[in-house]
Every structure is written in C-alpha cells, then in structure tokens.
Amino acid sequence: MRAAVLPGSGEPLQIREVPDPQAGKGQLVLRVQSAGICGTDLHMAPILPAGTVMGHEFSGEVVEVGSGAGDFRLGDRVCALPTLGCGHCAACRAGEPGQCADMKATGLGGSPGAFAEYLVVGASESLRLPEAVSSRRGALVEPLAVGLHAVDRAAIPLGARVLVVGAGPVGLAVSLWARFFGARSIVVSERAPGRRERSAAFGATDAIDPDAEEVGPAFARLTGGPPDVVFECVGVKGLIQDCIGLAAPRSKVVVVGMCMEPDVIVPGIAVVKELDLTFAIAYRKRDFDLTIAMLAQDRIASEEMVTDVVDLEGLCEAFEALKRPTTQCKVMLEF
C-alpha cells in the first residue's frame, strides 16, 4: 500500500510503498477514508523514528476483522481511539486505553497511522459511525474529543469567563465545548486572522490579536473582568507562564497544548493567586461516544473546522505548509 512516511528528523514526508497491515487478535484493518493533520504531528515529527507513518485522526471502512474483534463486520464505518491497548487491564476495561501500560500510540511511533491507504486499530477502541456522521466528520471526532476532555477537566463554572489561547483545531474544539457547557464569555487569542474569524462559528464571543493589543486588558474590556478559566492550546515554550499571569485569583489554567521542550514557570505567581494548574491529554472512549452522538444530532459545529482537503500526493506539501500556518486550520486527507 502507499503511505506518507517520515524519512528522518526534519525531513519532509515521502510517499512510499509499505507492507499492507494485517489484523491481529482483537483488531480491525480499516481502509482509510479521511484523516486529519494534527498539531501534535507537527510537534512530534522531529523526534519520531525514521519510517514512522503518522496520522491519528481518522475514519475508515472495516476491510478485515481479526479473531476476538466482537461484532464488527466488513463494511462498517468506524473511527477509533488512536491507541492499541492490551484490552484487559483496568484502564482498557474503563475505556481509557491511553493509560494502559502496554499502550502503543497509533501514528506517533507505536503503530503505523492513517496517512496511508490502510491501518490497524483495536476493536475495543473502535466506534461505529451513524449514517448521519460523514467520513470527514468521523475524522474530526478525535480533535473534538480532545476539546471535550479538556473542558471536562476544567469543570467550567456556569456563566464563566473563558480565555482560549490559540484558535487552531484544539482551541476551536475547546471553545465549542465551553459554549456547550455554559460559559458566558469565550474569548480566543490568536495571531492568524483566518483562525480568529473562524472562531465565532465555534462559540467564541470575541477574538483578540495578541500582536495588536495586550491580551489581559483586552479580555477585561470585552468581558468585564479577568478569565475564570484559561486554556493553553498552542504548546509553545513560555505560554504556561503567560497564562498564569493572565488568570484571575483562584481560577484555573488548563494546559492542552503539547510543548515538546523544557519550559520554565514562576510558581510564586501561581501560589499567590492560588491557581489550579491542570494538564489534559487526549480523551476517554466516552468522550468519543458523546462527540459522535452530538455530531449525529447536529448539535455541535464540525466541518467548518476544515479549510483544506488534499489527497495522499498533496499531503506532504500541506504538512510542510502547516509548520507556518496562514489561512489553514484543519487540513484533511481524503482518499
């Protein structure tokens, strides 16, 4: 099969022929239909081993069912948590395979990902897509579930003032769920004009250009006070400290962005403010399940996140372009 392969650190993706996957016990093989490029792919690419096939946001059609894979059938349309757990530990049984000690991360060096014609997923991590949820929407379940899990971790107070730093796909998903769960004001801070404009469709009440004005005073002017919850959705060194500085006393800072280098914070400022500093990673299976249900009922925005659609040949160029985004938000690979 054809796949976009990471040749080595810092090198652009290359389309290569690689072996077709086979379903093991409790596994499915999917024919990939849609797969999104994630910010985590961009952050992780420099440290992943050569030969990695990335892609952990996907949907596809079941083309092979391994033994012990439950009642899945050929032709089922599914999405899946991008983790291959052991299937029998407490974490796997609880629908949290990401916490499994033997977990292999799909598309991030553990198991080949969805930037390919076919991939292997765990049956216990897979969920069927209703007819009302298209393949493209199915590939958006993963980033939307990231936002859902982050907002759940924040336990946003009803009527809260929320600041979302970064209006990429994860920031938009956080904004969407913050609105869903009752935030009064949702302000995004984002440098890219296109992403600022797009944020309104995902629940943002206002947007700030941090290059044009100071975020703290602008947020207070727009909402009447400092934020009750700050979400860091970028993953750039120094932003956690910035968020600590912006947060109101006895408020919350939730770190969702994946920074892959050492960072420094000044704990004294957080101590004086008595802040709750929380980190959120990924999701649980029930986050996927709720996201799919809300998509099927058209109760949350989704495809407005997609700005570009490419085929496998166009993926490599699109991946490089996202390292310095301009108008792009979610770039979707479709076969």
Protein backbone atom coordinates (compact mmCIF):
# COMPACT_ATOMS: atom_id res chain seq x y z
CA MET A 1 0.00 0.00 0.00
CA ARG A 2 1.00 3.64 -0.30
CA ALA A 3 1.76 5.73 2.78
CA ALA A 4 3.31 9.06 3.72
CA VAL A 5 6.48 8.09 5.58
CA LEU A 6 8.72 10.22 7.80
CA PRO A 7 12.24 9.65 6.36
CA GLY A 8 14.08 11.21 9.29
CA SER A 9 14.17 14.15 11.67
CA GLY A 10 13.49 17.44 9.90
CA GLU A 11 12.91 15.81 6.51
CA PRO A 12 9.64 16.25 4.57
CA LEU A 13 7.25 13.32 4.34
CA GLN A 14 7.68 10.98 1.37
CA ILE A 15 5.13 8.76 -0.37
CA ARG A 16 6.39 5.18 -0.30
CA GLU A 17 5.16 1.63 -0.76
CA VAL A 18 4.94 -0.16 2.60
CA PRO A 19 3.57 -3.60 3.58
CA ASP A 20 -0.20 -3.97 3.94
CA PRO A 21 -1.28 -4.33 7.59
CA GLN A 22 -2.95 -7.47 8.93
CA ALA A 23 -5.46 -7.73 11.74
CA GLY A 24 -4.25 -9.49 14.87
CA LYS A 25 -6.41 -10.78 17.69
CA GLY A 26 -8.97 -8.18 18.72
CA GLN A 27 -8.02 -5.89 15.83
CA LEU A 28 -9.55 -4.47 12.66
CA VAL A 29 -8.00 -3.29 9.41
CA LEU A 30 -9.55 -0.12 8.03
CA ARG A 31 -9.46 1.32 4.55
CA VAL A 32 -8.77 4.94 5.42
CA GLN A 33 -11.38 7.36 4.15
CA SER A 34 -10.43 10.62 5.92
CA ALA A 35 -7.51 11.63 8.13
CA GLY A 36 -6.62 14.99 9.63
CA ILE A 37 -3.24 16.60 10.20
CA CYS A 38 -2.87 17.46 13.89
CA GLY A 39 -0.66 19.98 15.65
CA THR A 40 0.76 17.08 17.64
CA ASP A 41 2.01 15.57 14.37
CA LEU A 42 3.93 18.80 13.72
CA HIS A 43 5.33 18.90 17.27
CA MET A 44 6.30 15.21 17.33
CA ALA A 45 7.73 14.80 13.83
CA PRO A 46 11.27 15.94 14.80
CA ILE A 47 11.59 13.26 17.49
CA LEU A 48 9.79 10.31 15.88
CA PRO A 49 11.87 7.44 14.46
CA ALA A 50 12.58 7.26 10.75
CA GLY A 51 9.98 5.21 8.93
CA THR A 52 7.06 6.40 11.06
CA VAL A 53 3.67 6.67 9.36
CA MET A 54 1.80 9.42 11.21
CA GLY A 55 -1.92 10.21 11.35
CA HIS A 56 -4.06 9.69 14.45
CA GLU A 57 -7.30 11.50 13.47
CA PHE A 58 -9.18 9.24 11.08
CA SER A 59 -12.22 7.33 9.96
CA GLY A 60 -12.44 4.36 7.66
CA GLU A 61 -14.22 1.26 6.46
CA VAL A 62 -13.59 -2.15 8.01
CA VAL A 63 -11.97 -4.46 5.44
CA GLU A 64 -10.61 -7.18 7.76
CA VAL A 65 -11.81 -8.44 11.15
CA GLY A 66 -9.39 -10.26 13.42
CA SER A 67 -10.37 -13.02 15.82
CA GLY A 68 -11.96 -11.81 19.03
CA ALA A 69 -12.92 -8.47 17.50
CA GLY A 70 -16.51 -8.51 18.70
CA ASP A 71 -19.41 -7.96 16.33
CA PHE A 72 -17.71 -5.68 13.81
CA ARG A 73 -18.39 -6.60 10.20
CA LEU A 74 -16.83 -5.88 6.83
CA GLY A 75 -18.10 -2.57 5.52
CA ASP A 76 -18.72 -0.98 8.93
CA ARG A 77 -17.73 2.68 9.02
CA VAL A 78 -15.79 3.49 12.17
CA CYS A 79 -13.44 5.85 13.91
CA ALA A 80 -11.18 4.75 16.74
CA LEU A 81 -9.11 5.99 19.61
CA PRO A 82 -5.56 6.04 18.19
CA THR A 83 -4.20 3.68 20.81
CA LEU A 84 -3.63 -0.05 20.82
CA GLY A 85 -4.07 -1.17 24.43
CA CYS A 86 -3.74 -4.63 25.90
CA GLY A 87 -7.53 -4.88 26.06
CA HIS A 88 -7.76 -6.47 29.51
CA CYS A 89 -6.13 -4.16 32.08
CA ALA A 90 -8.21 -1.87 34.31
CA ALA A 91 -7.52 1.16 32.10
CA CYS A 92 -8.58 -0.62 28.91
CA ARG A 93 -11.71 -2.01 30.55
CA ALA A 94 -12.58 1.51 31.73
CA GLY A 95 -12.33 2.88 28.17
CA GLU A 96 -9.03 4.67 28.80
CA PRO A 97 -6.51 2.72 26.70
CA GLY A 98 -4.21 5.74 26.69
CA GLN A 99 -3.41 4.90 30.32
CA CYS A 100 -2.59 1.25 29.51
CA ALA A 101 0.98 0.34 30.48
CA ASP A 102 1.37 -1.58 27.19
CA MET A 103 -0.29 1.06 25.02
CA LYS A 104 1.02 1.70 21.51
CA ALA A 105 0.17 5.13 20.11
CA THR A 106 -1.18 4.99 16.57
CA GLY A 107 0.68 7.31 14.22
CA LEU A 108 3.12 8.52 16.87
CA GLY A 109 5.78 5.84 16.72
CA GLY A 110 3.93 2.94 18.34
CA SER A 111 1.76 1.66 15.49
CA PRO A 112 1.53 2.94 11.88
CA GLY A 113 -1.03 5.69 11.43
CA ALA A 114 -3.64 6.86 8.97
CA PHE A 115 -1.52 8.75 6.45
CA ALA A 116 -1.80 5.54 4.46
CA GLU A 117 -4.34 3.57 2.48
CA TYR A 118 -4.93 1.09 5.34
CA LEU A 119 -4.26 0.87 9.07
CA VAL A 120 -4.81 -1.42 12.06
CA VAL A 121 -7.00 -0.35 15.00
CA GLY A 122 -8.15 -2.08 18.15
CA ALA A 123 -11.73 -3.31 18.06
CA SER A 124 -12.24 -2.31 21.70
CA GLU A 125 -11.09 1.22 20.84
CA SER A 126 -13.36 1.50 17.78
CA LEU A 127 -16.81 3.06 17.48
CA ARG A 128 -19.27 2.76 14.62
CA LEU A 129 -20.26 5.94 12.83
CA PRO A 130 -24.00 6.55 12.37
CA GLU A 131 -25.24 7.24 8.85
CA ALA A 132 -25.67 10.92 9.77
CA VAL A 133 -21.93 11.25 10.51
CA SER A 134 -19.89 11.50 7.31
CA SER A 135 -16.37 10.10 6.99
CA ARG A 136 -14.98 13.63 7.20
CA ARG A 137 -16.89 14.27 10.40
CA GLY A 138 -15.71 10.91 11.66
CA ALA A 139 -12.11 12.04 11.31
CA LEU A 140 -12.96 15.17 13.32
CA VAL A 141 -14.18 13.14 16.30
CA GLU A 142 -10.63 12.87 17.66
CA PRO A 143 -9.80 16.62 17.83
CA LEU A 144 -13.32 17.40 19.04
CA ALA A 145 -12.91 14.80 21.80
CA VAL A 146 -9.64 16.45 22.85
CA GLY A 147 -11.55 19.68 23.44
CA LEU A 148 -14.33 17.86 25.27
CA HIS A 149 -11.89 16.17 27.63
CA ALA A 150 -10.07 19.45 28.34
CA VAL A 151 -13.33 21.25 29.15
CA ASP A 152 -14.42 18.34 31.34
CA ARG A 153 -11.10 18.54 33.21
CA ALA A 154 -11.67 22.27 33.74
CA ALA A 155 -15.14 21.80 35.28
CA ILE A 156 -16.08 25.22 33.95
CA PRO A 157 -18.39 27.13 36.32
CA LEU A 158 -21.75 28.08 34.84
CA GLY A 159 -21.51 31.56 33.31
CA ALA A 160 -17.70 31.59 33.43
CA ARG A 161 -15.41 33.93 31.53
CA VAL A 162 -13.08 31.76 29.43
CA LEU A 163 -9.86 32.65 27.60
CA VAL A 164 -8.65 30.24 24.91
CA VAL A 165 -5.07 30.82 23.81
CA GLY A 166 -4.78 29.54 20.25
CA ALA A 167 -7.59 29.07 17.74
CA GLY A 168 -6.26 26.06 15.89
CA PRO A 169 -8.39 22.90 15.80
CA VAL A 170 -7.93 22.14 19.51
CA GLY A 171 -8.63 25.74 20.53
CA LEU A 172 -11.77 25.74 18.40
CA ALA A 173 -12.89 22.44 19.93
CA VAL A 174 -12.34 23.84 23.43
CA SER A 175 -14.37 26.95 22.52
CA LEU A 176 -17.16 24.78 21.16
CA TRP A 177 -17.48 22.66 24.28
CA ALA A 178 -17.03 25.64 26.62
CA ARG A 179 -20.11 27.17 25.00
CA PHE A 180 -21.91 23.82 25.14
CA PHE A 181 -21.34 23.58 28.90
CA GLY A 182 -22.44 27.09 29.77
CA ALA A 183 -19.59 29.60 29.59
CA ARG A 184 -20.86 33.17 29.33
CA SER A 185 -17.86 34.70 27.55
CA ILE A 186 -15.37 32.81 25.37
CA VAL A 187 -12.52 34.91 24.01
CA VAL A 188 -9.78 33.46 21.81
CA SER A 189 -6.31 34.91 21.46
CA GLU A 190 -4.89 34.10 18.03
CA ARG A 191 -2.36 35.66 15.67
CA ALA A 192 -3.72 34.22 12.40
CA PRO A 193 -6.61 36.37 11.07
CA GLY A 194 -8.39 33.46 9.39
CA ARG A 195 -8.44 31.45 12.59
CA ARG A 196 -9.72 34.41 14.60
CA GLU A 197 -12.58 34.85 12.16
CA ARG A 198 -13.39 31.14 12.18
CA SER A 199 -13.62 31.03 15.98
CA ALA A 200 -17.07 32.68 16.01
CA ALA A 201 -18.57 29.58 14.39
CA PHE A 202 -17.27 27.52 17.31
CA GLY A 203 -18.70 29.60 20.13
CA ALA A 204 -16.18 32.39 20.63
CA THR A 205 -17.87 35.62 21.66
CA ASP A 206 -14.79 37.71 20.80
CA ALA A 207 -11.27 37.34 19.45
CA ILE A 208 -8.02 39.15 20.26
CA ASP A 209 -4.95 39.66 18.09
CA PRO A 210 -2.10 39.39 20.65
CA ASP A 211 0.24 41.20 18.26
CA ALA A 212 -2.07 44.24 18.19
CA GLU A 213 -3.02 44.60 21.88
CA GLU A 214 -2.26 43.20 25.30
CA VAL A 215 -4.40 40.16 25.97
CA GLY A 216 -5.18 40.85 29.65
CA PRO A 217 -6.59 44.38 29.29
CA ALA A 218 -8.38 43.44 26.06
CA PHE A 219 -10.04 40.44 27.72
CA ALA A 220 -11.18 42.57 30.69
CA ARG A 221 -12.57 45.23 28.35
CA LEU A 222 -14.54 42.62 26.39
CA THR A 223 -15.87 40.58 29.31
CA GLY A 224 -15.82 42.85 32.36
CA GLY A 225 -13.03 41.08 34.25
CA PRO A 226 -10.19 38.56 34.13
CA PRO A 227 -10.73 34.96 32.97
CA ASP A 228 -12.10 32.31 35.31
CA VAL A 229 -10.51 29.61 33.15
CA VAL A 230 -7.56 29.90 30.75
CA PHE A 231 -6.89 27.16 28.21
CA GLU A 232 -3.39 26.99 26.69
CA CYS A 233 -3.97 25.32 23.30
CA VAL A 234 -0.73 26.06 21.45
CA GLY A 235 2.12 24.19 23.12
CA VAL A 236 4.84 26.82 22.78
CA LYS A 237 7.51 27.44 25.39
CA GLY A 238 6.63 30.31 27.73
CA LEU A 239 2.86 30.20 27.24
CA ILE A 240 2.07 28.43 30.51
CA GLN A 241 3.68 31.30 32.41
CA ASP A 242 1.77 33.81 30.26
CA CYS A 243 -1.48 32.04 31.13
CA ILE A 244 -0.62 32.07 34.83
CA GLY A 245 -0.13 35.83 34.56
CA LEU A 246 -3.49 36.29 32.79
CA ALA A 247 -5.58 34.12 35.12
CA ALA A 248 -7.73 35.63 37.86
CA PRO A 249 -7.01 34.76 41.51
CA ARG A 250 -8.36 31.32 42.47
CA SER A 251 -9.07 30.48 38.83
CA LYS A 252 -7.87 27.65 36.61
CA VAL A 253 -5.23 27.21 33.93
CA VAL A 254 -5.68 24.12 31.76
CA VAL A 255 -2.72 23.12 29.59
CA VAL A 256 -3.84 21.34 26.43
CA GLY A 257 -1.03 22.33 24.03
CA MET A 258 1.74 19.78 23.57
CA CYS A 259 5.07 21.53 24.21
CA MET A 260 7.94 19.15 23.46
CA GLU A 261 10.79 21.08 25.07
CA PRO A 262 11.67 22.06 28.66
CA ASP A 263 9.75 25.05 29.94
CA VAL A 264 10.02 27.31 32.99
CA ILE A 265 7.29 28.76 35.18
CA VAL A 266 7.43 31.02 38.24
CA PRO A 267 5.45 29.06 40.85
CA GLY A 268 5.32 32.04 43.21
CA ILE A 269 2.84 33.87 40.98
CA ALA A 270 0.56 30.84 40.80
CA VAL A 271 0.89 30.34 44.57
CA VAL A 272 -0.06 33.93 45.36
CA LYS A 273 -3.11 33.61 43.08
CA GLU A 274 -3.93 30.13 44.46
CA LEU A 275 -4.41 28.85 40.92
CA ASP A 276 -5.42 25.36 39.88
CA LEU A 277 -2.97 24.24 37.19
CA THR A 278 -4.32 21.26 35.24
CA PHE A 279 -2.93 19.27 32.32
CA ALA A 280 -5.18 17.50 29.84
CA ILE A 281 -4.12 14.80 27.42
CA ALA A 282 -6.27 13.11 24.84
CA TYR A 283 -9.61 11.62 25.90
CA ARG A 284 -11.56 8.61 27.06
CA LYS A 285 -13.76 6.36 24.95
CA ARG A 286 -16.86 8.03 26.39
CA ASP A 287 -15.58 11.37 25.04
CA PHE A 288 -15.61 9.83 21.56
CA ASP A 289 -19.04 8.38 22.15
CA LEU A 290 -20.59 11.70 23.23
CA THR A 291 -18.89 13.57 20.39
CA ILE A 292 -20.29 11.14 17.81
CA ALA A 293 -23.78 11.46 19.32
CA MET A 294 -23.67 15.28 19.22
CA LEU A 295 -22.41 15.22 15.62
CA ALA A 296 -25.19 12.85 14.60
CA GLN A 297 -27.74 15.26 16.09
CA ASP A 298 -26.10 18.35 14.53
CA ARG A 299 -25.72 19.88 17.97
CA ILE A 300 -22.08 20.91 17.55
CA ALA A 301 -20.14 22.54 14.73
CA SER A 302 -17.66 20.38 12.88
CA GLU A 303 -16.82 20.68 9.19
CA GLU A 304 -16.36 24.46 9.49
CA MET A 305 -13.01 23.48 11.01
CA VAL A 306 -11.81 22.01 7.69
CA THR A 307 -10.13 24.59 5.46
CA ASP A 308 -8.20 22.35 3.07
CA VAL A 309 -8.70 18.87 1.60
CA VAL A 310 -5.80 17.03 -0.03
CA ASP A 311 -5.10 13.60 -1.50
CA LEU A 312 -2.12 11.48 -0.49
CA GLU A 313 0.12 13.11 -3.10
CA GLY A 314 -0.75 16.57 -1.76
CA LEU A 315 -0.29 15.62 1.89
CA CYS A 316 3.46 16.13 2.04
CA GLU A 317 3.30 19.73 0.80
CA ALA A 318 0.32 20.50 3.05
CA PHE A 319 2.17 19.12 6.07
CA GLU A 320 5.15 21.42 5.43
CA ALA A 321 2.86 24.42 4.94
CA LEU A 322 1.22 23.86 8.33
CA LYS A 323 4.55 24.46 10.07
CA ARG A 324 3.85 28.14 9.37
CA PRO A 325 0.05 28.35 9.14
CA THR A 326 -1.66 31.28 7.46
CA THR A 327 -5.25 30.56 6.41
CA GLN A 328 -5.21 26.82 7.20
CA CYS A 329 -7.00 25.34 10.17
CA LYS A 330 -7.73 21.63 9.78
CA VAL A 331 -6.19 20.05 6.68
CA MET A 332 -7.93 16.81 5.79
CA LEU A 333 -6.50 13.91 3.80
CA GLU A 334 -9.19 12.12 1.83
CA PHE A 335 -8.93 9.05 -0.40
